[in-house]
């Protein structure tokens, strides 16, 4: 079994119901085209998923007014980065005012592998032909945008 990486992912939404996504490439395959994904990253020793989510929002976006909500989805699967690693992802809803994100808190690897960061409307997300993670994000978002959260986190597929 590959080593595990608990990961906090954030559905960071603004007042206009836009979601903030980053576009990046995997460390094991920097030559490949990137895909869009939610804010987030690994849970550090001693952190909870919620604490990691709050830290990742600050580090990856510079946004300081995010209010974290519930965990709505969980997902796990193996990713090669470049060695196989079992990602155990926890998706947490957060709301903010919608400030423009900054890259000031990015580390060298993030600067090398993240190509873009921007707000998306649901319509834009539904119409894009670019890769977006988690798969099916556009069809899963409407209840979240409406404030309809599952009683227990929903297990969503890796692929």
N, C-alpha and C. Protein backbone atom coordinates (compact mmCIF):
# COMPACT_ATOMS: atom_id res chain seq x y z
N UNK A 1 0.85 -1.18 0.00
CA UNK A 1 0.00 0.00 0.00
C UNK A 1 0.89 1.25 0.00
N UNK A 2 0.61 2.21 -0.87
CA UNK A 2 1.44 3.42 -0.90
C UNK A 2 1.22 4.27 0.35
N UNK A 3 2.15 5.16 0.63
CA UNK A 3 1.97 6.06 1.78
C UNK A 3 0.73 6.94 1.57
N UNK A 4 0.12 7.34 2.69
CA UNK A 4 -1.09 8.16 2.64
C UNK A 4 -0.76 9.63 2.76
N UNK A 5 -1.57 10.45 2.11
CA UNK A 5 -1.46 11.90 2.24
C UNK A 5 -2.85 12.47 2.53
N UNK A 6 -3.15 12.74 3.80
CA UNK A 6 -4.42 13.41 4.09
C UNK A 6 -4.37 14.81 3.48
N UNK A 7 -5.41 15.18 2.78
CA UNK A 7 -5.42 16.43 2.03
C UNK A 7 -6.71 17.20 2.26
N UNK A 8 -6.58 18.46 2.61
CA UNK A 8 -7.73 19.35 2.76
C UNK A 8 -7.96 20.07 1.44
N UNK A 9 -9.15 19.95 0.88
CA UNK A 9 -9.52 20.64 -0.35
C UNK A 9 -10.61 21.64 0.03
N UNK A 10 -10.63 22.79 -0.63
CA UNK A 10 -11.57 23.85 -0.25
C UNK A 10 -12.41 24.27 -1.45
N UNK A 11 -13.73 24.24 -1.25
CA UNK A 11 -14.65 24.81 -2.23
C UNK A 11 -14.81 26.27 -1.81
N UNK A 12 -13.86 27.11 -2.26
CA UNK A 12 -13.82 28.52 -1.85
C UNK A 12 -14.75 29.32 -2.74
N UNK A 13 -15.84 29.80 -2.17
CA UNK A 13 -16.89 30.50 -2.90
C UNK A 13 -16.94 31.96 -2.47
N UNK A 14 -17.27 32.82 -3.43
CA UNK A 14 -17.41 34.24 -3.09
C UNK A 14 -18.90 34.61 -3.02
N UNK A 15 -19.18 35.90 -2.80
CA UNK A 15 -20.57 36.36 -2.65
C UNK A 15 -21.39 36.15 -3.92
N UNK A 16 -20.73 36.10 -5.07
CA UNK A 16 -21.42 35.91 -6.35
C UNK A 16 -21.51 34.44 -6.73
N UNK A 17 -21.22 33.54 -5.79
CA UNK A 17 -21.25 32.09 -6.02
C UNK A 17 -20.22 31.61 -7.04
N UNK A 18 -19.13 32.36 -7.18
CA UNK A 18 -18.04 31.88 -8.01
C UNK A 18 -17.14 31.01 -7.14
N UNK A 19 -16.44 30.06 -7.78
CA UNK A 19 -15.49 29.19 -7.07
C UNK A 19 -14.08 29.51 -7.56
N UNK A 20 -13.14 29.54 -6.61
CA UNK A 20 -11.75 29.82 -6.96
C UNK A 20 -11.02 28.51 -7.27
N UNK A 21 -10.43 28.44 -8.46
CA UNK A 21 -9.67 27.26 -8.88
C UNK A 21 -8.28 27.66 -9.32
N UNK A 22 -7.36 26.74 -9.16
CA UNK A 22 -5.99 26.91 -9.62
C UNK A 22 -5.76 25.95 -10.78
N UNK A 23 -4.88 26.32 -11.69
CA UNK A 23 -4.51 25.44 -12.80
C UNK A 23 -3.04 25.09 -12.63
N UNK A 24 -2.77 23.79 -12.55
CA UNK A 24 -1.39 23.38 -12.36
C UNK A 24 -1.10 22.01 -12.92
N UNK A 25 0.18 21.67 -12.83
CA UNK A 25 0.69 20.40 -13.34
C UNK A 25 1.26 19.59 -12.19
N UNK A 26 1.35 18.29 -12.36
CA UNK A 26 1.88 17.41 -11.32
C UNK A 26 3.40 17.45 -11.28
N UNK A 27 3.99 17.35 -10.06
CA UNK A 27 5.45 17.37 -9.95
C UNK A 27 6.12 16.26 -10.77
N UNK A 28 5.49 15.10 -10.87
CA UNK A 28 6.09 13.99 -11.61
C UNK A 28 5.97 14.14 -13.11
N UNK A 29 5.14 15.09 -13.57
CA UNK A 29 4.89 15.27 -15.00
C UNK A 29 4.74 16.75 -15.35
N UNK A 30 5.76 17.56 -15.07
CA UNK A 30 5.63 19.00 -15.31
C UNK A 30 5.46 19.37 -16.78
N UNK A 31 5.78 18.44 -17.68
CA UNK A 31 5.67 18.73 -19.11
C UNK A 31 4.23 18.62 -19.62
N UNK A 32 3.37 17.96 -18.87
CA UNK A 32 1.98 17.77 -19.30
C UNK A 32 1.19 19.07 -19.11
N UNK A 33 0.10 19.15 -19.86
CA UNK A 33 -0.75 20.33 -19.68
C UNK A 33 -1.44 20.22 -18.32
N UNK A 34 -1.77 21.35 -17.78
CA UNK A 34 -2.35 21.37 -16.45
C UNK A 34 -3.85 21.14 -16.44
N UNK A 35 -4.38 21.07 -15.24
CA UNK A 35 -5.82 20.93 -15.02
C UNK A 35 -6.20 21.88 -13.88
N UNK A 36 -7.47 22.21 -13.81
CA UNK A 36 -7.99 23.09 -12.77
C UNK A 36 -8.35 22.26 -11.55
N UNK A 37 -8.11 22.81 -10.37
CA UNK A 37 -8.41 22.09 -9.14
C UNK A 37 -8.70 23.09 -8.02
N UNK A 38 -9.29 22.60 -6.96
CA UNK A 38 -9.66 23.45 -5.84
C UNK A 38 -8.44 23.84 -5.00
N UNK A 39 -8.58 24.90 -4.26
CA UNK A 39 -7.57 25.32 -3.29
C UNK A 39 -7.38 24.19 -2.29
N UNK A 40 -6.16 24.01 -1.80
CA UNK A 40 -5.95 23.00 -0.77
C UNK A 40 -4.58 22.36 -0.85
N UNK A 41 -4.35 21.45 0.10
CA UNK A 41 -3.08 20.77 0.15
C UNK A 41 -3.00 19.83 1.33
N UNK A 42 -1.82 19.32 1.55
CA UNK A 42 -1.60 18.33 2.59
C UNK A 42 -1.83 18.84 4.00
N UNK A 43 -2.35 17.95 4.83
CA UNK A 43 -2.55 18.23 6.25
C UNK A 43 -1.22 17.99 6.95
N UNK A 44 -0.73 19.00 7.66
CA UNK A 44 0.55 18.88 8.36
C UNK A 44 0.35 18.21 9.72
N UNK A 45 1.43 17.68 10.27
CA UNK A 45 1.39 17.01 11.57
C UNK A 45 0.74 17.92 12.61
N UNK A 46 -0.21 17.38 13.35
CA UNK A 46 -0.88 18.13 14.40
C UNK A 46 -2.05 18.97 13.94
N UNK A 47 -2.29 19.06 12.63
CA UNK A 47 -3.39 19.84 12.10
C UNK A 47 -4.63 18.99 11.89
N UNK A 48 -5.79 19.61 11.99
CA UNK A 48 -7.04 18.98 11.56
C UNK A 48 -7.23 19.34 10.08
N UNK A 49 -8.18 18.71 9.43
CA UNK A 49 -8.49 19.05 8.05
C UNK A 49 -8.93 20.52 7.95
N UNK A 50 -9.74 20.97 8.89
CA UNK A 50 -10.23 22.34 8.87
C UNK A 50 -9.08 23.34 9.08
N UNK A 51 -8.18 23.05 10.00
CA UNK A 51 -7.02 23.92 10.21
C UNK A 51 -6.15 23.98 8.95
N UNK A 52 -5.96 22.82 8.31
CA UNK A 52 -5.17 22.78 7.07
C UNK A 52 -5.87 23.58 5.97
N UNK A 53 -7.19 23.47 5.88
CA UNK A 53 -7.94 24.22 4.87
C UNK A 53 -7.76 25.72 5.07
N UNK A 54 -7.87 26.19 6.30
CA UNK A 54 -7.70 27.62 6.60
C UNK A 54 -6.28 28.08 6.22
N UNK A 55 -5.28 27.28 6.56
CA UNK A 55 -3.89 27.63 6.23
C UNK A 55 -3.69 27.67 4.72
N UNK A 56 -4.21 26.67 4.02
CA UNK A 56 -4.04 26.60 2.57
C UNK A 56 -4.71 27.79 1.87
N UNK A 57 -5.86 28.22 2.35
CA UNK A 57 -6.53 29.39 1.76
C UNK A 57 -5.59 30.60 1.87
N UNK A 58 -5.05 30.82 3.05
CA UNK A 58 -4.15 31.97 3.24
C UNK A 58 -2.90 31.85 2.36
N UNK A 59 -2.26 30.65 2.36
CA UNK A 59 -1.02 30.47 1.62
C UNK A 59 -1.22 30.54 0.11
N UNK A 60 -2.27 29.91 -0.40
CA UNK A 60 -2.45 29.80 -1.84
C UNK A 60 -3.16 30.99 -2.47
N UNK A 61 -3.90 31.76 -1.67
CA UNK A 61 -4.71 32.84 -2.24
C UNK A 61 -4.45 34.20 -1.63
N UNK A 62 -3.94 34.24 -0.40
CA UNK A 62 -3.80 35.49 0.32
C UNK A 62 -5.11 36.01 0.87
N UNK A 63 -6.20 35.29 0.66
CA UNK A 63 -7.52 35.72 1.12
C UNK A 63 -7.62 35.47 2.62
N UNK A 64 -7.97 36.52 3.37
CA UNK A 64 -7.97 36.43 4.83
C UNK A 64 -9.36 36.41 5.45
N UNK A 65 -10.42 36.62 4.64
CA UNK A 65 -11.76 36.72 5.22
C UNK A 65 -12.60 35.46 5.03
N UNK A 66 -11.99 34.35 4.69
CA UNK A 66 -12.74 33.11 4.44
C UNK A 66 -13.33 32.57 5.74
N UNK A 67 -14.59 32.16 5.66
CA UNK A 67 -15.28 31.51 6.78
C UNK A 67 -15.54 30.07 6.35
N UNK A 68 -14.99 29.15 7.14
CA UNK A 68 -15.11 27.74 6.78
C UNK A 68 -16.44 27.17 7.24
N UNK A 69 -16.99 26.31 6.39
CA UNK A 69 -18.24 25.62 6.68
C UNK A 69 -18.00 24.14 6.84
N UNK A 70 -18.97 23.34 6.43
CA UNK A 70 -18.88 21.90 6.66
C UNK A 70 -18.04 21.16 5.63
N UNK A 71 -17.69 19.94 6.00
CA UNK A 71 -17.09 18.98 5.08
C UNK A 71 -18.26 18.40 4.30
N UNK A 72 -18.20 18.47 2.96
CA UNK A 72 -19.32 17.99 2.15
C UNK A 72 -18.99 16.74 1.34
N UNK A 73 -17.73 16.56 0.99
CA UNK A 73 -17.33 15.41 0.19
C UNK A 73 -16.02 14.84 0.73
N UNK A 74 -15.82 13.55 0.50
CA UNK A 74 -14.53 12.90 0.73
C UNK A 74 -14.23 12.07 -0.51
N UNK A 75 -12.96 11.86 -0.76
CA UNK A 75 -12.53 11.15 -1.96
C UNK A 75 -11.15 10.60 -1.70
N UNK A 76 -10.86 9.43 -2.23
CA UNK A 76 -9.49 8.92 -2.11
C UNK A 76 -9.09 8.13 -3.34
N UNK A 77 -7.78 8.20 -3.61
CA UNK A 77 -7.24 7.50 -4.75
C UNK A 77 -5.73 7.68 -4.82
N UNK A 78 -5.11 6.86 -5.64
CA UNK A 78 -3.65 6.88 -5.78
C UNK A 78 -3.25 7.81 -6.92
N UNK A 79 -2.26 8.63 -6.63
CA UNK A 79 -1.70 9.55 -7.61
C UNK A 79 -0.19 9.38 -7.58
N UNK A 80 0.43 9.38 -8.74
CA UNK A 80 1.89 9.27 -8.82
C UNK A 80 2.48 10.69 -8.91
N UNK A 81 3.24 11.09 -7.88
CA UNK A 81 3.79 12.46 -7.85
C UNK A 81 5.27 12.52 -7.46
N UNK A 82 6.24 11.89 -7.99
CA UNK A 82 6.18 10.87 -9.03
C UNK A 82 5.95 9.46 -8.47
N UNK A 83 6.18 9.24 -7.18
CA UNK A 83 5.94 7.92 -6.60
C UNK A 83 4.47 7.81 -6.20
N UNK A 84 3.90 6.58 -6.21
CA UNK A 84 2.48 6.43 -5.84
C UNK A 84 2.22 6.92 -4.41
N UNK A 85 1.12 7.64 -4.25
CA UNK A 85 0.70 8.13 -2.95
C UNK A 85 -0.82 8.05 -2.89
N UNK A 86 -1.33 7.58 -1.75
CA UNK A 86 -2.77 7.48 -1.55
C UNK A 86 -3.27 8.80 -0.97
N UNK A 87 -3.98 9.55 -1.78
CA UNK A 87 -4.56 10.82 -1.34
C UNK A 87 -5.90 10.55 -0.67
N UNK A 88 -6.08 11.09 0.53
CA UNK A 88 -7.35 11.02 1.26
C UNK A 88 -7.84 12.46 1.38
N UNK A 89 -8.74 12.83 0.48
CA UNK A 89 -9.17 14.21 0.37
C UNK A 89 -10.47 14.46 1.12
N UNK A 90 -10.53 15.63 1.74
CA UNK A 90 -11.68 16.08 2.51
C UNK A 90 -12.05 17.46 1.94
N UNK A 91 -13.26 17.60 1.35
CA UNK A 91 -13.69 18.85 0.72
C UNK A 91 -14.52 19.67 1.70
N UNK A 92 -14.06 20.88 1.96
CA UNK A 92 -14.67 21.77 2.95
C UNK A 92 -15.18 23.02 2.22
N UNK A 93 -16.41 23.41 2.52
CA UNK A 93 -16.97 24.62 1.94
C UNK A 93 -16.44 25.82 2.71
N UNK A 94 -16.11 26.89 1.98
CA UNK A 94 -15.70 28.15 2.62
C UNK A 94 -16.27 29.30 1.79
N UNK A 95 -16.62 30.36 2.47
CA UNK A 95 -17.14 31.56 1.81
C UNK A 95 -16.22 32.74 2.11
N UNK A 96 -16.09 33.64 1.13
CA UNK A 96 -15.28 34.85 1.31
C UNK A 96 -15.88 35.97 0.47
N UNK A 97 -15.30 37.16 0.60
CA UNK A 97 -15.80 38.31 -0.12
C UNK A 97 -15.50 38.32 -1.61
N UNK A 98 -14.51 37.56 -2.04
CA UNK A 98 -14.20 37.48 -3.46
C UNK A 98 -13.04 38.33 -3.91
N UNK A 99 -12.11 38.62 -3.02
CA UNK A 99 -10.92 39.41 -3.37
C UNK A 99 -10.11 38.70 -4.46
N UNK A 100 -9.32 39.48 -5.17
CA UNK A 100 -8.42 38.87 -6.15
C UNK A 100 -7.33 38.12 -5.39
N UNK A 101 -7.08 36.87 -5.78
CA UNK A 101 -6.05 36.10 -5.09
C UNK A 101 -4.65 36.63 -5.39
N UNK A 102 -3.74 36.38 -4.45
CA UNK A 102 -2.34 36.73 -4.67
C UNK A 102 -1.50 35.45 -4.61
N UNK A 103 -0.30 35.55 -5.14
CA UNK A 103 0.63 34.41 -5.16
C UNK A 103 1.75 34.59 -4.15
N UNK A 104 1.62 35.56 -3.28
CA UNK A 104 2.71 35.90 -2.35
C UNK A 104 3.10 34.76 -1.42
N UNK A 105 2.16 33.90 -1.03
CA UNK A 105 2.45 32.82 -0.10
C UNK A 105 2.90 31.53 -0.76
N UNK A 106 3.08 31.54 -2.08
CA UNK A 106 3.44 30.33 -2.79
C UNK A 106 4.89 29.96 -2.56
N UNK A 107 5.13 28.63 -2.42
CA UNK A 107 6.51 28.15 -2.32
C UNK A 107 7.07 27.95 -3.74
N UNK A 108 8.33 27.59 -3.85
CA UNK A 108 9.00 27.46 -5.15
C UNK A 108 8.31 26.42 -6.04
N UNK A 109 7.90 25.29 -5.48
CA UNK A 109 7.24 24.25 -6.27
C UNK A 109 5.90 24.76 -6.82
N UNK A 110 5.14 25.48 -5.99
CA UNK A 110 3.87 26.04 -6.46
C UNK A 110 4.11 27.06 -7.57
N UNK A 111 5.12 27.89 -7.42
CA UNK A 111 5.43 28.88 -8.46
C UNK A 111 5.80 28.19 -9.78
N UNK A 112 6.49 27.05 -9.68
CA UNK A 112 6.89 26.33 -10.89
C UNK A 112 5.73 25.59 -11.56
N UNK A 113 4.83 25.04 -10.77
CA UNK A 113 3.82 24.13 -11.31
C UNK A 113 2.41 24.70 -11.44
N UNK A 114 2.13 25.84 -10.79
CA UNK A 114 0.79 26.43 -10.89
C UNK A 114 0.84 27.56 -11.90
N UNK A 115 0.03 27.41 -12.94
CA UNK A 115 0.06 28.34 -14.07
C UNK A 115 -0.98 29.44 -13.98
N UNK A 116 -2.05 29.23 -13.23
CA UNK A 116 -3.11 30.23 -13.20
C UNK A 116 -3.96 30.03 -11.95
N UNK A 117 -4.67 31.07 -11.57
CA UNK A 117 -5.62 31.02 -10.47
C UNK A 117 -6.70 32.03 -10.81
N UNK A 118 -7.98 31.59 -10.75
CA UNK A 118 -9.04 32.53 -11.08
C UNK A 118 -10.39 32.05 -10.56
N UNK A 119 -11.31 33.02 -10.49
CA UNK A 119 -12.69 32.73 -10.10
C UNK A 119 -13.47 32.22 -11.30
N UNK A 120 -14.33 31.23 -11.06
CA UNK A 120 -15.18 30.63 -12.09
C UNK A 120 -16.64 30.73 -11.69
N UNK A 121 -17.50 31.06 -12.66
CA UNK A 121 -18.94 30.94 -12.43
C UNK A 121 -19.33 29.49 -12.71
N UNK A 122 -20.49 29.09 -12.22
CA UNK A 122 -20.97 27.74 -12.51
C UNK A 122 -21.15 27.56 -14.01
N UNK A 123 -21.65 28.58 -14.72
CA UNK A 123 -21.83 28.48 -16.17
C UNK A 123 -20.49 28.25 -16.87
N UNK A 124 -19.46 28.97 -16.47
CA UNK A 124 -18.14 28.78 -17.08
C UNK A 124 -17.60 27.37 -16.80
N UNK A 125 -17.80 26.91 -15.59
CA UNK A 125 -17.32 25.58 -15.20
C UNK A 125 -18.06 24.50 -15.99
N UNK A 126 -19.35 24.70 -16.19
CA UNK A 126 -20.16 23.72 -16.93
C UNK A 126 -19.72 23.64 -18.39
N UNK A 127 -19.30 24.77 -18.96
CA UNK A 127 -18.98 24.82 -20.39
C UNK A 127 -17.53 24.52 -20.73
N UNK A 128 -16.63 24.52 -19.75
CA UNK A 128 -15.22 24.34 -20.08
C UNK A 128 -14.93 22.94 -20.60
N UNK A 129 -13.97 22.88 -21.51
CA UNK A 129 -13.49 21.59 -22.01
C UNK A 129 -12.16 21.21 -21.35
N UNK A 130 -11.66 22.10 -20.48
CA UNK A 130 -10.41 21.82 -19.77
C UNK A 130 -10.65 20.82 -18.65
N UNK A 131 -9.61 20.15 -18.23
CA UNK A 131 -9.71 19.22 -17.12
C UNK A 131 -9.97 19.96 -15.81
N UNK A 132 -10.89 19.44 -15.01
CA UNK A 132 -11.23 20.02 -13.72
C UNK A 132 -11.32 18.89 -12.70
N UNK A 133 -10.75 19.14 -11.52
CA UNK A 133 -10.79 18.15 -10.44
C UNK A 133 -11.40 18.76 -9.20
N UNK A 134 -12.26 18.02 -8.50
CA UNK A 134 -12.61 16.64 -8.77
C UNK A 134 -13.50 16.53 -10.01
N UNK A 135 -13.46 15.37 -10.67
CA UNK A 135 -14.34 15.17 -11.83
C UNK A 135 -15.80 15.37 -11.41
N UNK A 136 -16.56 16.01 -12.29
CA UNK A 136 -17.97 16.24 -12.00
C UNK A 136 -18.23 17.43 -11.10
N UNK A 137 -17.22 18.28 -10.88
CA UNK A 137 -17.39 19.42 -9.97
C UNK A 137 -18.59 20.28 -10.35
N UNK A 138 -18.74 20.59 -11.63
CA UNK A 138 -19.84 21.48 -12.07
C UNK A 138 -21.20 20.90 -11.72
N UNK A 139 -21.39 19.61 -11.86
CA UNK A 139 -22.71 19.04 -11.58
C UNK A 139 -22.93 18.83 -10.08
N UNK A 140 -21.87 18.77 -9.29
CA UNK A 140 -22.00 18.60 -7.84
C UNK A 140 -22.19 19.93 -7.10
N UNK A 141 -21.84 21.04 -7.74
CA UNK A 141 -21.85 22.33 -7.06
C UNK A 141 -23.23 22.94 -6.76
N UNK A 142 -24.25 22.79 -7.63
CA UNK A 142 -25.51 23.50 -7.38
C UNK A 142 -26.10 23.35 -5.98
N UNK A 143 -26.18 22.14 -5.39
CA UNK A 143 -26.72 22.09 -4.02
C UNK A 143 -25.83 22.83 -3.01
N UNK A 144 -24.51 22.78 -3.22
CA UNK A 144 -23.58 23.47 -2.33
C UNK A 144 -23.81 24.97 -2.42
N UNK A 145 -23.95 25.49 -3.63
CA UNK A 145 -24.19 26.92 -3.83
C UNK A 145 -25.51 27.34 -3.17
N UNK A 146 -26.47 26.42 -3.14
CA UNK A 146 -27.78 26.71 -2.54
C UNK A 146 -27.77 26.51 -1.03
N UNK A 147 -26.61 26.12 -0.48
CA UNK A 147 -26.52 25.91 0.97
C UNK A 147 -27.12 24.60 1.43
N UNK A 148 -27.29 23.66 0.51
CA UNK A 148 -27.84 22.34 0.84
C UNK A 148 -26.68 21.36 0.99
N UNK A 149 -26.27 21.15 2.23
CA UNK A 149 -25.12 20.31 2.51
C UNK A 149 -25.57 18.94 2.99
N UNK A 150 -24.85 17.88 2.60
CA UNK A 150 -25.23 16.55 3.08
C UNK A 150 -25.05 16.43 4.60
N UNK A 151 -25.89 15.62 5.22
CA UNK A 151 -25.81 15.41 6.68
C UNK A 151 -24.46 14.80 7.04
N UNK A 152 -23.98 13.91 6.21
CA UNK A 152 -22.65 13.29 6.36
C UNK A 152 -21.89 13.53 5.06
N UNK A 153 -20.56 13.69 5.12
CA UNK A 153 -19.81 13.90 3.88
C UNK A 153 -20.08 12.79 2.87
N UNK A 154 -20.30 13.19 1.63
CA UNK A 154 -20.58 12.26 0.55
C UNK A 154 -19.27 11.73 -0.04
N UNK A 155 -19.20 10.42 -0.24
CA UNK A 155 -18.03 9.81 -0.89
C UNK A 155 -18.18 10.02 -2.38
N UNK A 156 -17.25 10.74 -2.99
CA UNK A 156 -17.29 10.96 -4.43
C UNK A 156 -16.18 10.16 -5.09
N UNK A 157 -16.36 9.74 -6.34
CA UNK A 157 -15.37 8.87 -6.99
C UNK A 157 -14.07 9.59 -7.30
N UNK A 158 -13.00 8.84 -7.33
CA UNK A 158 -11.68 9.37 -7.64
C UNK A 158 -11.60 9.73 -9.12
N UNK A 159 -12.12 8.88 -9.98
CA UNK A 159 -12.04 9.12 -11.45
C UNK A 159 -13.30 9.76 -11.96
